Amino acid sequence: MDKRSKIMLIITIVLILILIIKSNLIDPVHELDGDIEKYRLYSLQTAPLGGGILKNTGLLTYRVVKVKQDSSEDTTAIIIKDENSGKWVDHIIEGQYSGKVRVYLFNFVPIKDIYFKGGIKRDNEISCLLLT
């Protein structure tokens, strides 16, 4: 291997290490307080519900990278999976929220962003999740 190839290989390895650090330490939103934490959990738990080829392979990782309260007026209806029973529980939180969940391949390569705004809406007979 010549000198140029060695330099290119070292640069590639350094850039991959930077991407791993960015994806695992800088990007994710860590635990928050109050209603904004509930919205973070809602975003994180409902993001994988969409279909996809790699969904059940274990190669994908979902991380919340952004959560914000858009307004303090009105309320937002969300569902959060209870850790003990495994059932979905309805919550009403104060304010309007939005968030972004990033999907990673192999735990560090970002491949997709999923945007959330608002919560769930329920029809009279059918309960459905709408990302509005």
Protein backbone atom coordinates (compact mmCIF):
# COMPACT_ATOMS: atom_id res chain seq x y z
CA MET A 1 0.00 0.00 0.00
CA ASP A 2 1.38 3.39 -0.94
CA LYS A 3 1.44 6.46 1.28
CA ARG A 4 -1.68 8.03 -0.26
CA SER A 5 -3.75 4.87 0.32
CA LYS A 6 -2.65 4.69 3.96
CA ILE A 7 -3.62 8.33 4.52
CA MET A 8 -7.04 7.76 2.91
CA LEU A 9 -7.62 4.68 5.08
CA ILE A 10 -6.69 6.60 8.26
CA ILE A 11 -9.00 9.49 7.29
CA THR A 12 -11.85 7.04 6.65
CA ILE A 13 -11.39 5.37 10.02
CA VAL A 14 -11.28 8.75 11.81
CA LEU A 15 -14.46 9.90 10.05
CA ILE A 16 -16.26 6.67 10.99
CA LEU A 17 -15.23 7.15 14.62
CA ILE A 18 -16.54 10.74 14.53
CA LEU A 19 -19.85 9.49 13.08
CA ILE A 20 -20.15 6.86 15.82
CA ILE A 21 -19.53 9.45 18.54
CA LYS A 22 -21.99 11.90 16.97
CA SER A 23 -24.71 9.27 16.53
CA ASN A 24 -24.43 7.86 20.04
CA LEU A 25 -23.54 10.83 22.23
CA ILE A 26 -24.46 14.11 20.54
CA ASP A 27 -27.66 13.39 18.57
CA PRO A 28 -30.02 11.75 21.08
CA VAL A 29 -32.24 13.73 23.43
CA HIS A 30 -31.71 12.35 26.91
CA GLU A 31 -34.36 12.13 29.63
CA LEU A 32 -36.43 15.26 30.14
CA ASP A 33 -38.99 16.36 32.73
CA GLY A 34 -42.77 16.49 32.81
CA ASP A 35 -44.98 16.51 29.73
CA ILE A 36 -42.10 16.93 27.31
CA GLU A 37 -40.66 13.61 28.59
CA LYS A 38 -44.02 11.95 27.93
CA TYR A 39 -43.96 13.29 24.38
CA ARG A 40 -40.38 12.01 23.96
CA LEU A 41 -41.52 8.53 25.03
CA TYR A 42 -44.54 8.74 22.72
CA SER A 43 -42.30 9.63 19.76
CA LEU A 44 -39.79 6.91 20.57
CA GLN A 45 -42.39 4.18 21.10
CA THR A 46 -44.58 4.94 18.08
CA ALA A 47 -41.78 5.53 15.53
CA PRO A 48 -41.05 1.79 14.98
CA LEU A 49 -44.74 1.06 14.30
CA GLY A 50 -44.29 1.89 10.62
CA GLY A 51 -43.54 -1.06 8.36
CA GLY A 52 -40.30 -1.75 6.61
CA ILE A 53 -38.05 -4.53 5.40
CA LEU A 54 -35.47 -4.10 8.16
CA LYS A 55 -37.97 -3.47 10.96
CA ASN A 56 -37.77 -6.89 12.59
CA THR A 57 -34.11 -7.66 11.85
CA GLY A 58 -32.66 -5.79 14.83
CA LEU A 59 -30.37 -3.76 12.56
CA LEU A 60 -32.31 -0.53 13.13
CA THR A 61 -32.09 1.72 16.18
CA TYR A 62 -34.55 4.55 16.90
CA ARG A 63 -33.46 7.65 18.82
CA VAL A 64 -35.31 10.86 19.59
CA VAL A 65 -33.11 13.73 18.40
CA LYS A 66 -35.49 16.66 18.89
CA VAL A 67 -38.53 17.45 21.04
CA LYS A 68 -40.03 20.89 21.48
CA GLN A 69 -43.19 22.48 22.75
CA ASP A 70 -44.71 24.51 19.90
CA SER A 71 -47.31 26.27 22.03
CA SER A 72 -48.64 26.12 25.56
CA GLU A 73 -52.25 26.40 24.43
CA ASP A 74 -54.61 23.43 23.96
CA THR A 75 -53.76 19.81 24.78
CA THR A 76 -52.19 16.86 22.98
CA ALA A 77 -53.49 13.30 23.23
CA ILE A 78 -50.74 10.67 23.18
CA ILE A 79 -50.33 6.98 23.95
CA ILE A 80 -47.42 5.48 25.88
CA LYS A 81 -46.71 1.79 26.37
CA ASP A 82 -46.72 0.84 30.05
CA GLU A 83 -43.46 -0.94 30.92
CA ASN A 84 -45.07 -3.22 33.51
CA SER A 85 -48.20 -4.40 31.71
CA GLY A 86 -47.12 -3.86 28.08
CA LYS A 87 -50.44 -2.14 27.30
CA TRP A 88 -50.85 1.23 25.62
CA VAL A 89 -52.09 3.94 28.01
CA ASP A 90 -53.75 7.20 26.93
CA HIS A 91 -52.30 10.48 28.22
CA ILE A 92 -53.41 14.07 27.75
CA ILE A 93 -50.57 16.57 28.01
CA GLU A 94 -50.78 20.36 28.14
CA GLY A 95 -49.57 22.18 25.03
CA GLN A 96 -48.74 21.33 21.43
CA TYR A 97 -45.54 19.39 20.74
CA SER A 98 -43.39 18.27 17.84
CA GLY A 99 -40.40 15.98 17.61
CA LYS A 100 -38.02 14.11 15.38
CA VAL A 101 -36.90 10.49 15.63
CA ARG A 102 -33.85 9.39 13.67
CA VAL A 103 -33.46 5.82 12.45
CA TYR A 104 -29.93 4.38 12.51
CA LEU A 105 -28.58 1.35 10.68
CA PHE A 106 -26.00 -0.65 12.67
CA ASN A 107 -26.52 1.78 15.56
CA PHE A 108 -24.57 4.68 13.97
CA VAL A 109 -25.42 5.25 10.28
CA PRO A 110 -28.41 7.65 10.04
CA ILE A 111 -30.81 6.52 7.32
CA LYS A 112 -34.15 8.21 7.98
CA ASP A 113 -35.83 10.98 9.99
CA ILE A 114 -39.41 10.58 11.23
CA TYR A 115 -41.17 13.83 12.14
CA PHE A 116 -43.96 14.04 14.71
CA LYS A 117 -46.37 16.89 15.22
CA GLY A 118 -49.29 16.66 17.60
CA GLY A 119 -50.55 13.34 18.91
CA ILE A 120 -53.23 10.81 18.14
CA LYS A 121 -56.75 11.42 16.95
CA ARG A 122 -59.57 9.01 17.61
CA ASP A 123 -62.57 8.46 15.37
CA ASN A 124 -65.93 7.34 16.76
CA GLU A 125 -65.42 3.63 16.10
CA ILE A 126 -61.88 3.22 14.84
CA SER A 127 -58.84 4.10 16.89
CA CYS A 128 -55.99 5.14 14.66
CA LEU A 129 -52.63 6.85 14.91
CA LEU A 130 -52.29 9.91 12.70
CA LEU A 131 -49.11 11.87 12.50
CA THR A 132 -50.51 15.31 11.77
